[in-house]
C-alpha cells in the first residue's frame, strides 16, 4: 500500500496568488494532482497552512476523499510541513511526496516509482538527464529518520546524508524538475501543457 502526501502550505509569495488554485487545463494545480494520485494511492493527505479553510472549501466539491492536515507553524518552512504531514499518515507504509508546484507530473511516473519500490531502499527519486527531481517515494525507514530530525532541518540534506541508500529512476520527462514559483514560470508551463494532455 502506498499513501500520498501533497505539500501545499507555502505562502506562494513569489507567485503573488495561491499556487494550489492556479488554473491549468480547465482545472487547478491541486485538482490535477489529486486526480492522478487517486489512481495509485490508498489515501491522499494534503498539508495546508493559512490557506486551510479556502482549500478545504474548494476540495469539498471534489469527489475524491482527501485528508487535510493543518500546519499551524508553516512559517517555519517546508521541512515543518513535511514532518507535520508524515506524522499524519498511516505508519509502516511508503509515502509518495508530491510538491504542489508540479501539476504536470504524468500518472505513468507515479506508477513507475511504485513499481520500482522493493522495500530495501530508503528512497526512490526520479531523474531526468542525470538531474534529480520529484516526486519522492519515501520508505517507512526514511520517514522515521525525517521525523527524528529538528524542525529546522532540510530534506535535501537528510537525503544526501543517506545517499548510498537512494535509488534513482531515470525518466524522459522534464516535468519532474519543474518548480513553478514565479508568474513567468507559471505562464510558460500553462501555455506548454494546455497544448497537450497529461
N, C-alpha and C. Protein backbone atom coordinates (compact mmCIF):
# COMPACT_ATOMS: atom_id res chain seq x y z
N UNK A 1 0.84 -1.20 0.00
CA UNK A 1 0.00 0.00 0.00
C UNK A 1 0.87 1.25 0.00
N UNK A 2 0.51 2.19 -0.84
CA UNK A 2 1.21 3.48 -0.93
C UNK A 2 0.24 4.58 -0.53
N UNK A 3 0.69 5.52 0.30
CA UNK A 3 -0.08 6.72 0.59
C UNK A 3 0.61 7.91 -0.07
N UNK A 4 -0.14 8.97 -0.29
CA UNK A 4 0.42 10.16 -0.93
C UNK A 4 0.31 11.36 -0.01
N UNK A 5 1.31 12.21 -0.08
CA UNK A 5 1.34 13.43 0.73
C UNK A 5 1.65 14.61 -0.18
N UNK A 6 0.73 15.55 -0.26
CA UNK A 6 0.91 16.75 -1.07
C UNK A 6 1.27 17.91 -0.16
N UNK A 7 2.34 18.63 -0.49
CA UNK A 7 2.73 19.81 0.28
C UNK A 7 2.16 21.05 -0.38
N UNK A 8 1.26 21.74 0.34
CA UNK A 8 0.62 22.94 -0.22
C UNK A 8 0.43 24.00 0.85
N UNK A 9 1.37 24.07 1.79
CA UNK A 9 1.23 25.00 2.91
C UNK A 9 1.99 26.31 2.70
N UNK A 10 2.74 26.40 1.61
CA UNK A 10 3.55 27.60 1.38
C UNK A 10 2.70 28.84 1.14
N UNK A 11 3.33 30.00 1.31
CA UNK A 11 2.61 31.27 1.15
C UNK A 11 2.46 31.71 -0.30
N UNK A 12 3.20 31.09 -1.21
CA UNK A 12 3.17 31.46 -2.63
C UNK A 12 3.46 32.95 -2.82
N UNK A 13 4.36 33.48 -2.01
CA UNK A 13 4.64 34.92 -2.02
C UNK A 13 5.26 35.38 -3.34
N UNK A 14 6.14 34.57 -3.91
CA UNK A 14 6.76 34.96 -5.18
C UNK A 14 5.78 34.88 -6.33
N UNK A 15 4.80 33.98 -6.21
CA UNK A 15 3.80 33.84 -7.26
C UNK A 15 2.80 34.99 -7.22
N UNK A 16 2.46 35.44 -6.02
CA UNK A 16 1.51 36.52 -5.88
C UNK A 16 0.07 36.09 -5.77
N UNK A 17 -0.18 34.78 -5.87
CA UNK A 17 -1.53 34.23 -5.70
C UNK A 17 -1.41 32.79 -5.24
N UNK A 18 -2.51 32.22 -4.75
CA UNK A 18 -2.49 30.87 -4.19
C UNK A 18 -2.09 29.85 -5.25
N UNK A 19 -0.92 29.25 -5.09
CA UNK A 19 -0.38 28.34 -6.09
C UNK A 19 -1.28 27.12 -6.32
N UNK A 20 -1.82 26.58 -5.24
CA UNK A 20 -2.64 25.37 -5.35
C UNK A 20 -3.86 25.56 -6.23
N UNK A 21 -4.34 26.80 -6.32
CA UNK A 21 -5.57 27.08 -7.05
C UNK A 21 -5.35 27.69 -8.43
N UNK A 22 -4.11 27.79 -8.85
CA UNK A 22 -3.84 28.33 -10.18
C UNK A 22 -4.46 27.43 -11.25
N UNK A 23 -5.13 28.01 -12.24
CA UNK A 23 -5.77 27.19 -13.27
C UNK A 23 -4.79 26.72 -14.34
N UNK A 24 -5.00 25.48 -14.76
CA UNK A 24 -4.24 24.93 -15.88
C UNK A 24 -5.09 23.80 -16.47
N UNK A 25 -5.29 23.83 -17.76
CA UNK A 25 -6.14 22.84 -18.42
C UNK A 25 -7.52 22.74 -17.77
N UNK A 26 -8.14 23.88 -17.53
CA UNK A 26 -9.51 23.97 -17.01
C UNK A 26 -9.68 23.37 -15.62
N UNK A 27 -8.62 23.31 -14.87
CA UNK A 27 -8.69 22.82 -13.50
C UNK A 27 -7.58 23.51 -12.72
N UNK A 28 -7.50 23.25 -11.42
CA UNK A 28 -6.46 23.85 -10.60
C UNK A 28 -5.29 22.88 -10.42
N UNK A 29 -4.15 23.44 -10.00
CA UNK A 29 -2.98 22.59 -9.73
C UNK A 29 -3.35 21.44 -8.82
N UNK A 30 -3.99 21.76 -7.71
CA UNK A 30 -4.25 20.74 -6.70
C UNK A 30 -5.23 19.67 -7.19
N UNK A 31 -6.20 20.07 -7.99
CA UNK A 31 -7.15 19.08 -8.53
C UNK A 31 -6.47 18.15 -9.51
N UNK A 32 -5.60 18.67 -10.37
CA UNK A 32 -4.85 17.83 -11.31
C UNK A 32 -4.04 16.77 -10.54
N UNK A 33 -3.36 17.21 -9.51
CA UNK A 33 -2.50 16.31 -8.75
C UNK A 33 -3.33 15.24 -8.04
N UNK A 34 -4.40 15.65 -7.39
CA UNK A 34 -5.25 14.71 -6.65
C UNK A 34 -5.83 13.66 -7.58
N UNK A 35 -6.32 14.07 -8.74
CA UNK A 35 -6.96 13.12 -9.66
C UNK A 35 -5.99 12.05 -10.14
N UNK A 36 -4.73 12.42 -10.30
CA UNK A 36 -3.74 11.42 -10.72
C UNK A 36 -3.31 10.54 -9.55
N UNK A 37 -3.11 11.14 -8.39
CA UNK A 37 -2.70 10.34 -7.23
C UNK A 37 -3.79 9.37 -6.80
N UNK A 38 -5.03 9.69 -7.10
CA UNK A 38 -6.14 8.81 -6.73
C UNK A 38 -6.02 7.44 -7.40
N UNK A 39 -5.29 7.37 -8.51
CA UNK A 39 -5.11 6.11 -9.23
C UNK A 39 -4.07 5.20 -8.56
N UNK A 40 -3.21 5.77 -7.71
CA UNK A 40 -2.10 4.97 -7.19
C UNK A 40 -2.01 4.94 -5.67
N UNK A 41 -2.67 5.86 -4.99
CA UNK A 41 -2.54 5.96 -3.54
C UNK A 41 -3.78 5.45 -2.81
N UNK A 42 -3.55 4.75 -1.72
CA UNK A 42 -4.67 4.29 -0.89
C UNK A 42 -5.35 5.47 -0.22
N UNK A 43 -4.53 6.41 0.28
CA UNK A 43 -5.06 7.63 0.90
C UNK A 43 -4.21 8.82 0.46
N UNK A 44 -4.86 9.96 0.34
CA UNK A 44 -4.17 11.19 -0.05
C UNK A 44 -4.26 12.19 1.10
N UNK A 45 -3.11 12.66 1.53
CA UNK A 45 -3.02 13.65 2.60
C UNK A 45 -2.49 14.96 2.01
N UNK A 46 -3.02 16.09 2.46
CA UNK A 46 -2.60 17.40 1.95
C UNK A 46 -2.26 18.29 3.13
N UNK A 47 -1.03 18.79 3.17
CA UNK A 47 -0.62 19.71 4.23
C UNK A 47 -0.88 21.14 3.77
N UNK A 48 -1.65 21.85 4.57
CA UNK A 48 -2.01 23.24 4.28
C UNK A 48 -1.56 24.13 5.44
N UNK A 49 -1.53 25.42 5.17
CA UNK A 49 -1.16 26.39 6.20
C UNK A 49 -2.30 27.36 6.43
N UNK A 50 -2.00 28.64 6.23
CA UNK A 50 -3.03 29.66 6.40
C UNK A 50 -4.11 29.58 5.33
N UNK A 51 -3.85 28.80 4.29
CA UNK A 51 -4.82 28.62 3.21
C UNK A 51 -5.79 27.48 3.50
N UNK A 52 -5.78 26.95 4.73
CA UNK A 52 -6.54 25.74 5.06
C UNK A 52 -8.02 25.86 4.73
N UNK A 53 -8.69 26.88 5.22
CA UNK A 53 -10.14 27.00 5.03
C UNK A 53 -10.50 27.18 3.56
N UNK A 54 -9.71 27.96 2.85
CA UNK A 54 -10.00 28.21 1.44
C UNK A 54 -9.87 26.93 0.61
N UNK A 55 -8.79 26.20 0.81
CA UNK A 55 -8.58 24.95 0.07
C UNK A 55 -9.62 23.91 0.48
N UNK A 56 -9.93 23.86 1.76
CA UNK A 56 -10.93 22.92 2.25
C UNK A 56 -12.26 23.14 1.55
N UNK A 57 -12.64 24.39 1.38
CA UNK A 57 -13.91 24.71 0.71
C UNK A 57 -13.88 24.28 -0.75
N UNK A 58 -12.78 24.55 -1.43
CA UNK A 58 -12.64 24.19 -2.85
C UNK A 58 -12.71 22.67 -3.02
N UNK A 59 -12.01 21.95 -2.16
CA UNK A 59 -11.93 20.49 -2.30
C UNK A 59 -13.21 19.79 -1.85
N UNK A 60 -14.07 20.50 -1.14
CA UNK A 60 -15.33 19.89 -0.70
C UNK A 60 -16.21 19.52 -1.89
N UNK A 61 -15.96 20.13 -3.05
CA UNK A 61 -16.74 19.83 -4.25
C UNK A 61 -16.11 18.72 -5.08
N UNK A 62 -14.94 18.24 -4.64
CA UNK A 62 -14.26 17.17 -5.36
C UNK A 62 -14.73 15.82 -4.80
N UNK A 63 -14.97 14.86 -5.67
CA UNK A 63 -15.50 13.56 -5.25
C UNK A 63 -14.44 12.63 -4.67
N UNK A 64 -13.19 13.05 -4.68
CA UNK A 64 -12.10 12.21 -4.18
C UNK A 64 -11.81 12.57 -2.73
N UNK A 65 -11.93 11.62 -1.81
CA UNK A 65 -11.66 11.94 -0.40
C UNK A 65 -10.19 12.24 -0.14
N UNK A 66 -9.94 13.32 0.57
CA UNK A 66 -8.58 13.71 0.93
C UNK A 66 -8.55 14.04 2.42
N UNK A 67 -7.43 13.75 3.05
CA UNK A 67 -7.25 14.05 4.46
C UNK A 67 -6.43 15.34 4.57
N UNK A 68 -7.04 16.39 5.08
CA UNK A 68 -6.38 17.69 5.17
C UNK A 68 -5.69 17.83 6.52
N UNK A 69 -4.45 18.29 6.47
CA UNK A 69 -3.63 18.46 7.67
C UNK A 69 -3.22 19.93 7.75
N UNK A 70 -3.49 20.58 8.86
CA UNK A 70 -3.11 21.99 9.00
C UNK A 70 -1.79 22.11 9.74
N UNK A 71 -0.85 22.80 9.13
CA UNK A 71 0.42 23.11 9.78
C UNK A 71 0.35 24.53 10.31
N UNK A 72 0.10 24.66 11.59
CA UNK A 72 0.00 25.98 12.21
C UNK A 72 1.34 26.71 12.23
N UNK A 73 2.42 25.96 12.01
CA UNK A 73 3.76 26.55 12.03
C UNK A 73 4.40 26.54 10.65
N UNK A 74 3.59 26.71 9.62
CA UNK A 74 4.11 26.64 8.25
C UNK A 74 5.16 27.69 7.96
N UNK A 75 5.16 28.78 8.74
CA UNK A 75 6.16 29.83 8.52
C UNK A 75 7.57 29.34 8.87
N UNK A 76 7.66 28.18 9.54
CA UNK A 76 8.97 27.62 9.87
C UNK A 76 9.63 26.97 8.66
N UNK A 77 8.88 26.80 7.58
CA UNK A 77 9.48 26.27 6.35
C UNK A 77 8.93 24.92 5.93
N UNK A 78 9.39 24.48 4.77
CA UNK A 78 8.85 23.27 4.16
C UNK A 78 9.09 22.03 5.02
N UNK A 79 10.23 21.95 5.69
CA UNK A 79 10.52 20.75 6.47
C UNK A 79 9.49 20.56 7.58
N UNK A 80 9.01 21.65 8.15
CA UNK A 80 7.99 21.55 9.19
C UNK A 80 6.69 20.97 8.62
N UNK A 81 6.38 21.32 7.37
CA UNK A 81 5.18 20.78 6.73
C UNK A 81 5.35 19.30 6.39
N UNK A 82 6.56 18.93 5.97
CA UNK A 82 6.84 17.52 5.69
C UNK A 82 6.65 16.69 6.96
N UNK A 83 7.22 17.16 8.06
CA UNK A 83 7.09 16.43 9.32
C UNK A 83 5.64 16.36 9.79
N UNK A 84 4.93 17.48 9.67
CA UNK A 84 3.52 17.51 10.09
C UNK A 84 2.70 16.50 9.28
N UNK A 85 2.94 16.47 7.98
CA UNK A 85 2.21 15.54 7.13
C UNK A 85 2.56 14.10 7.40
N UNK A 86 3.84 13.80 7.57
CA UNK A 86 4.27 12.43 7.79
C UNK A 86 3.80 11.88 9.14
N UNK A 87 3.58 12.77 10.10
CA UNK A 87 3.04 12.33 11.38
C UNK A 87 1.56 11.93 11.25
N UNK A 88 0.93 12.34 10.18
CA UNK A 88 -0.50 12.09 10.00
C UNK A 88 -0.80 10.84 9.16
N UNK A 89 0.17 10.39 8.38
CA UNK A 89 -0.08 9.25 7.50
C UNK A 89 0.02 7.94 8.29
N UNK A 90 -0.62 6.88 7.81
CA UNK A 90 -0.51 5.57 8.48
C UNK A 90 0.94 5.12 8.55
N UNK A 91 1.31 4.54 9.67
CA UNK A 91 2.70 4.12 9.88
C UNK A 91 3.01 2.85 9.08
N UNK A 92 4.31 2.67 8.83
CA UNK A 92 4.84 1.45 8.22
C UNK A 92 4.47 1.26 6.75
N UNK A 93 4.09 2.34 6.08
CA UNK A 93 3.81 2.27 4.65
C UNK A 93 4.62 3.36 3.93
N UNK A 94 5.06 3.10 2.70
CA UNK A 94 5.78 4.14 1.95
C UNK A 94 4.85 5.29 1.59
N UNK A 95 5.45 6.44 1.38
CA UNK A 95 4.69 7.66 1.07
C UNK A 95 5.26 8.32 -0.17
N UNK A 96 4.37 8.67 -1.09
CA UNK A 96 4.73 9.42 -2.28
C UNK A 96 4.61 10.90 -1.93
N UNK A 97 5.73 11.61 -1.90
CA UNK A 97 5.76 13.01 -1.51
C UNK A 97 5.70 13.89 -2.75
N UNK A 98 4.64 14.68 -2.86
CA UNK A 98 4.38 15.49 -4.06
C UNK A 98 4.32 16.97 -3.71
N UNK A 99 5.07 17.79 -4.46
CA UNK A 99 5.02 19.24 -4.29
C UNK A 99 3.85 19.82 -5.07
N UNK A 100 3.27 20.89 -4.57
CA UNK A 100 2.11 21.49 -5.22
C UNK A 100 2.46 22.16 -6.55
N UNK A 101 3.74 22.52 -6.72
CA UNK A 101 4.11 23.27 -7.93
C UNK A 101 4.55 22.36 -9.09
N UNK A 102 4.11 21.11 -9.07
CA UNK A 102 4.41 20.19 -10.17
C UNK A 102 3.13 19.50 -10.65
N UNK A 103 2.18 20.25 -11.18
CA UNK A 103 0.89 19.66 -11.58
C UNK A 103 0.96 18.80 -12.83
N UNK A 104 2.07 18.90 -13.56
CA UNK A 104 2.14 18.20 -14.84
C UNK A 104 2.90 16.88 -14.78
N UNK A 105 3.18 16.38 -13.57
CA UNK A 105 3.79 15.05 -13.45
C UNK A 105 2.82 14.02 -14.03
N UNK A 106 3.23 13.23 -15.02
CA UNK A 106 2.32 12.23 -15.60
C UNK A 106 2.04 11.09 -14.63
N UNK A 107 0.87 10.53 -14.73
CA UNK A 107 0.49 9.38 -13.92
C UNK A 107 1.51 8.25 -14.07
N UNK A 108 2.06 8.08 -15.27
CA UNK A 108 3.00 6.98 -15.52
C UNK A 108 4.24 7.08 -14.63
N UNK A 109 4.65 8.29 -14.28
CA UNK A 109 5.83 8.43 -13.42
C UNK A 109 5.51 7.94 -12.02
N UNK A 110 4.34 8.28 -11.51
CA UNK A 110 3.92 7.74 -10.21
C UNK A 110 3.95 6.21 -10.25
N UNK A 111 3.37 5.66 -11.31
CA UNK A 111 3.27 4.20 -11.42
C UNK A 111 4.65 3.55 -11.49
N UNK A 112 5.57 4.16 -12.23
CA UNK A 112 6.92 3.59 -12.36
C UNK A 112 7.68 3.65 -11.05
N UNK A 113 7.52 4.74 -10.30
CA UNK A 113 8.18 4.84 -9.00
C UNK A 113 7.70 3.72 -8.07
N UNK A 114 6.41 3.50 -8.06
CA UNK A 114 5.83 2.47 -7.20
C UNK A 114 6.26 1.08 -7.63
N UNK A 115 6.29 0.84 -8.94
CA UNK A 115 6.73 -0.46 -9.45
C UNK A 115 8.19 -0.74 -9.10
N UNK A 116 8.98 0.30 -9.04
CA UNK A 116 10.41 0.17 -8.76
C UNK A 116 10.69 -0.10 -7.27
N UNK A 117 9.74 0.23 -6.43
CA UNK A 117 9.95 0.12 -4.98
C UNK A 117 10.01 -1.33 -4.54
N UNK A 118 11.07 -1.69 -3.83
CA UNK A 118 11.23 -3.06 -3.34
C UNK A 118 11.14 -3.16 -1.83
N UNK A 119 11.25 -2.02 -1.16
CA UNK A 119 11.25 -2.01 0.30
C UNK A 119 12.65 -2.05 0.88
N UNK A 120 13.65 -2.23 0.02
CA UNK A 120 15.03 -2.33 0.50
C UNK A 120 15.73 -0.96 0.50
N UNK A 121 15.27 -0.05 -0.35
CA UNK A 121 15.88 1.26 -0.46
C UNK A 121 15.19 2.27 0.48
N UNK A 122 15.92 3.31 0.86
CA UNK A 122 15.33 4.36 1.68
C UNK A 122 14.42 5.26 0.86
N UNK A 123 14.78 5.42 -0.39
CA UNK A 123 14.13 6.43 -1.22
C UNK A 123 14.26 6.08 -2.68
N UNK A 124 13.22 6.35 -3.45
CA UNK A 124 13.31 6.29 -4.90
C UNK A 124 13.02 7.68 -5.43
N UNK A 125 13.92 8.18 -6.27
CA UNK A 125 13.82 9.55 -6.78
C UNK A 125 13.96 9.54 -8.30
N UNK A 126 13.05 10.21 -9.01
CA UNK A 126 13.18 10.26 -10.47
C UNK A 126 14.30 11.21 -10.88
N UNK A 127 14.89 10.94 -12.03
CA UNK A 127 15.92 11.84 -12.56
C UNK A 127 15.71 12.00 -14.06
N UNK A 128 16.08 13.17 -14.53
CA UNK A 128 15.98 13.49 -15.96
C UNK A 128 17.32 14.05 -16.39
N UNK A 129 17.99 13.36 -17.32
CA UNK A 129 19.31 13.76 -17.78
C UNK A 129 20.26 13.97 -16.60
N UNK A 130 20.23 13.01 -15.68
CA UNK A 130 21.09 12.99 -14.50
C UNK A 130 20.82 14.11 -13.50
N UNK A 131 19.66 14.72 -13.60
CA UNK A 131 19.25 15.73 -12.63
C UNK A 131 18.11 15.16 -11.79
N UNK A 132 18.31 15.15 -10.47
CA UNK A 132 17.31 14.57 -9.57
C UNK A 132 16.10 15.49 -9.44
N UNK A 133 14.91 14.88 -9.39
CA UNK A 133 13.69 15.67 -9.30
C UNK A 133 12.70 15.11 -8.29
N UNK A 134 11.45 15.44 -8.51
CA UNK A 134 10.34 15.00 -7.65
C UNK A 134 9.24 14.43 -8.54
N UNK A 135 8.34 13.64 -7.96
CA UNK A 135 8.07 13.35 -6.55
C UNK A 135 9.04 12.32 -5.99
N UNK A 136 9.02 12.18 -4.68
CA UNK A 136 9.87 11.23 -3.99
C UNK A 136 9.02 10.11 -3.40
N UNK A 137 9.53 8.91 -3.46
CA UNK A 137 8.87 7.79 -2.80
C UNK A 137 9.70 7.44 -1.56
N UNK A 138 9.15 7.75 -0.40
CA UNK A 138 9.85 7.60 0.87
C UNK A 138 9.51 6.27 1.53
N UNK A 139 10.52 5.56 1.98
CA UNK A 139 10.30 4.31 2.71
C UNK A 139 9.92 4.62 4.15
N UNK A 140 9.28 3.68 4.85
CA UNK A 140 8.97 3.89 6.27
C UNK A 140 10.22 4.22 7.10
N UNK A 141 11.35 3.60 6.76
CA UNK A 141 12.59 3.86 7.49
C UNK A 141 13.02 5.31 7.33
N UNK A 142 12.94 5.83 6.10
CA UNK A 142 13.33 7.22 5.88
C UNK A 142 12.33 8.17 6.55
N UNK A 143 11.07 7.80 6.57
CA UNK A 143 10.07 8.62 7.26
C UNK A 143 10.44 8.76 8.74
N UNK A 144 10.83 7.67 9.35
CA UNK A 144 11.25 7.71 10.77
C UNK A 144 12.46 8.62 10.95
N UNK A 145 13.39 8.57 10.01
CA UNK A 145 14.59 9.42 10.09
C UNK A 145 14.19 10.88 9.99
N UNK A 146 13.32 11.21 9.03
CA UNK A 146 12.87 12.60 8.85
C UNK A 146 12.19 13.10 10.11
N UNK A 147 11.36 12.27 10.71
CA UNK A 147 10.63 12.68 11.92
C UNK A 147 11.55 12.84 13.13
N UNK A 148 12.72 12.22 13.07
CA UNK A 148 13.67 12.34 14.19
C UNK A 148 14.51 13.60 14.12
N UNK A 149 14.49 14.28 12.98
CA UNK A 149 15.31 15.48 12.79
C UNK A 149 14.64 16.71 13.41
N UNK A 150 15.43 17.75 13.62
CA UNK A 150 14.89 19.00 14.14
C UNK A 150 14.08 19.70 13.05
N UNK A 151 13.15 20.55 13.46
CA UNK A 151 12.26 21.21 12.51
C UNK A 151 13.01 22.15 11.58
N UNK A 152 14.20 22.55 11.96
CA UNK A 152 15.00 23.44 11.12
C UNK A 152 15.84 22.72 10.09
N UNK A 153 15.66 21.41 9.98
CA UNK A 153 16.44 20.62 9.02
C UNK A 153 15.99 20.88 7.59
N UNK A 154 16.73 20.28 6.66
CA UNK A 154 16.47 20.44 5.23
C UNK A 154 16.37 19.06 4.61
N UNK A 155 15.31 18.81 3.84
CA UNK A 155 15.10 17.47 3.27
C UNK A 155 16.25 17.07 2.36
N UNK A 156 16.74 17.97 1.58
CA UNK A 156 17.85 17.65 0.68
C UNK A 156 19.07 17.17 1.46
N UNK A 157 19.35 17.83 2.58
CA UNK A 157 20.50 17.44 3.40
C UNK A 157 20.29 16.06 4.02
N UNK A 158 19.06 15.78 4.44
CA UNK A 158 18.76 14.47 5.02
C UNK A 158 18.96 13.39 3.97
N UNK A 159 18.47 13.64 2.75
CA UNK A 159 18.61 12.67 1.67
C UNK A 159 20.09 12.44 1.35
N UNK A 160 20.86 13.53 1.28
CA UNK A 160 22.29 13.41 0.98
C UNK A 160 23.04 12.63 2.05
N UNK A 161 22.57 12.73 3.27
CA UNK A 161 23.19 12.01 4.39
C UNK A 161 23.11 10.50 4.19
N UNK A 162 22.05 10.08 3.49
CA UNK A 162 21.84 8.65 3.27
C UNK A 162 21.82 8.32 1.77
N UNK A 163 22.62 9.05 1.01
CA UNK A 163 22.59 8.93 -0.45
C UNK A 163 22.93 7.52 -0.95
N UNK A 164 23.70 6.77 -0.18
CA UNK A 164 24.08 5.41 -0.61
C UNK A 164 22.87 4.49 -0.65
N UNK A 165 21.81 4.85 0.04
CA UNK A 165 20.61 4.01 0.09
C UNK A 165 19.48 4.57 -0.77
N UNK A 166 19.85 5.48 -1.65
CA UNK A 166 18.86 6.07 -2.56
C UNK A 166 18.93 5.38 -3.91
N UNK A 167 17.77 5.15 -4.53
CA UNK A 167 17.72 4.56 -5.86
C UNK A 167 17.10 5.58 -6.81
N UNK A 168 17.69 5.72 -8.00
CA UNK A 168 17.17 6.65 -8.99
C UNK A 168 16.36 5.92 -10.05
N UNK A 169 15.35 6.60 -10.54
CA UNK A 169 14.56 6.11 -11.67
C UNK A 169 14.70 7.13 -12.79
N UNK A 170 15.42 6.76 -13.84
CA UNK A 170 15.62 7.67 -14.96
C UNK A 170 14.34 7.74 -15.79
N UNK A 171 13.85 8.96 -16.02
CA UNK A 171 12.63 9.17 -16.80
C UNK A 171 12.95 10.14 -17.94
N UNK A 172 12.07 10.18 -18.91
CA UNK A 172 12.28 11.04 -20.07
C UNK A 172 11.22 12.13 -20.10
N UNK A 173 11.08 12.78 -18.97
CA UNK A 173 10.07 13.82 -18.82
C UNK A 173 10.61 14.88 -17.86
N UNK A 174 10.86 16.08 -18.38
CA UNK A 174 11.47 17.12 -17.56
C UNK A 174 10.50 17.76 -16.57
N UNK A 175 9.24 17.32 -16.55
CA UNK A 175 8.28 17.86 -15.58
C UNK A 175 8.71 17.57 -14.15
N UNK A 176 9.54 16.54 -13.96
CA UNK A 176 9.99 16.21 -12.60
C UNK A 176 10.94 17.28 -12.05
N UNK A 177 11.42 18.16 -12.91
CA UNK A 177 12.34 19.23 -12.50
C UNK A 177 11.62 20.56 -12.32
N UNK A 178 10.34 20.60 -12.62
CA UNK A 178 9.59 21.86 -12.53
C UNK A 178 9.58 22.42 -11.12
N UNK A 179 9.62 23.73 -11.05
CA UNK A 179 9.49 24.44 -9.78
C UNK A 179 8.79 25.75 -10.11
N UNK A 180 7.47 25.69 -10.16
CA UNK A 180 6.69 26.84 -10.62
C UNK A 180 6.49 27.80 -9.46
N UNK A 181 7.43 28.73 -9.30
CA UNK A 181 7.37 29.63 -8.16
C UNK A 181 7.29 31.11 -8.54
N UNK A 182 7.20 31.39 -9.83
CA UNK A 182 7.01 32.78 -10.27
C UNK A 182 5.91 32.82 -11.33
N UNK A 183 5.35 34.00 -11.54
CA UNK A 183 4.29 34.17 -12.53
C UNK A 183 4.79 33.82 -13.93
N UNK A 184 6.03 34.17 -14.21
CA UNK A 184 6.60 33.90 -15.53
C UNK A 184 6.69 32.40 -15.81
N UNK A 185 7.18 31.66 -14.81
CA UNK A 185 7.27 30.20 -14.97
C UNK A 185 5.89 29.59 -15.13
N UNK A 186 4.94 30.08 -14.36
CA UNK A 186 3.57 29.57 -14.46
C UNK A 186 3.01 29.76 -15.86
N UNK A 187 3.16 30.94 -16.42
CA UNK A 187 2.60 31.21 -17.74
C UNK A 187 3.26 30.35 -18.81
N UNK A 188 4.57 30.09 -18.67
CA UNK A 188 5.26 29.23 -19.64
C UNK A 188 4.74 27.80 -19.56
N UNK A 189 4.61 27.28 -18.35
CA UNK A 189 4.12 25.92 -18.16
C UNK A 189 2.67 25.81 -18.61
N UNK A 190 1.88 26.81 -18.29
CA UNK A 190 0.46 26.81 -18.65
C UNK A 190 0.30 26.73 -20.17
N UNK A 191 1.07 27.54 -20.88
CA UNK A 191 1.00 27.54 -22.35
C UNK A 191 1.46 26.20 -22.90
N UNK A 192 2.53 25.66 -22.33
CA UNK A 192 3.08 24.39 -22.82
C UNK A 192 2.11 23.25 -22.64
N UNK A 193 1.51 23.14 -21.46
CA UNK A 193 0.69 21.97 -21.14
C UNK A 193 -0.76 22.11 -21.57
N UNK A 194 -1.20 23.31 -21.86
CA UNK A 194 -2.54 23.45 -22.37
C UNK A 194 -2.61 23.08 -23.86
N UNK A 195 -1.43 22.81 -24.42
CA UNK A 195 -1.36 22.30 -25.81
C UNK A 195 -1.21 20.79 -25.82
N UNK A 196 -1.25 20.20 -24.63
CA UNK A 196 -1.11 18.74 -24.54
C UNK A 196 -2.05 18.23 -23.46
N UNK A 197 -2.12 16.91 -23.35
CA UNK A 197 -2.92 16.27 -22.30
C UNK A 197 -1.98 15.49 -21.42
N UNK A 198 -2.07 15.68 -20.12
CA UNK A 198 -1.19 14.94 -19.22
C UNK A 198 -1.99 14.41 -18.06
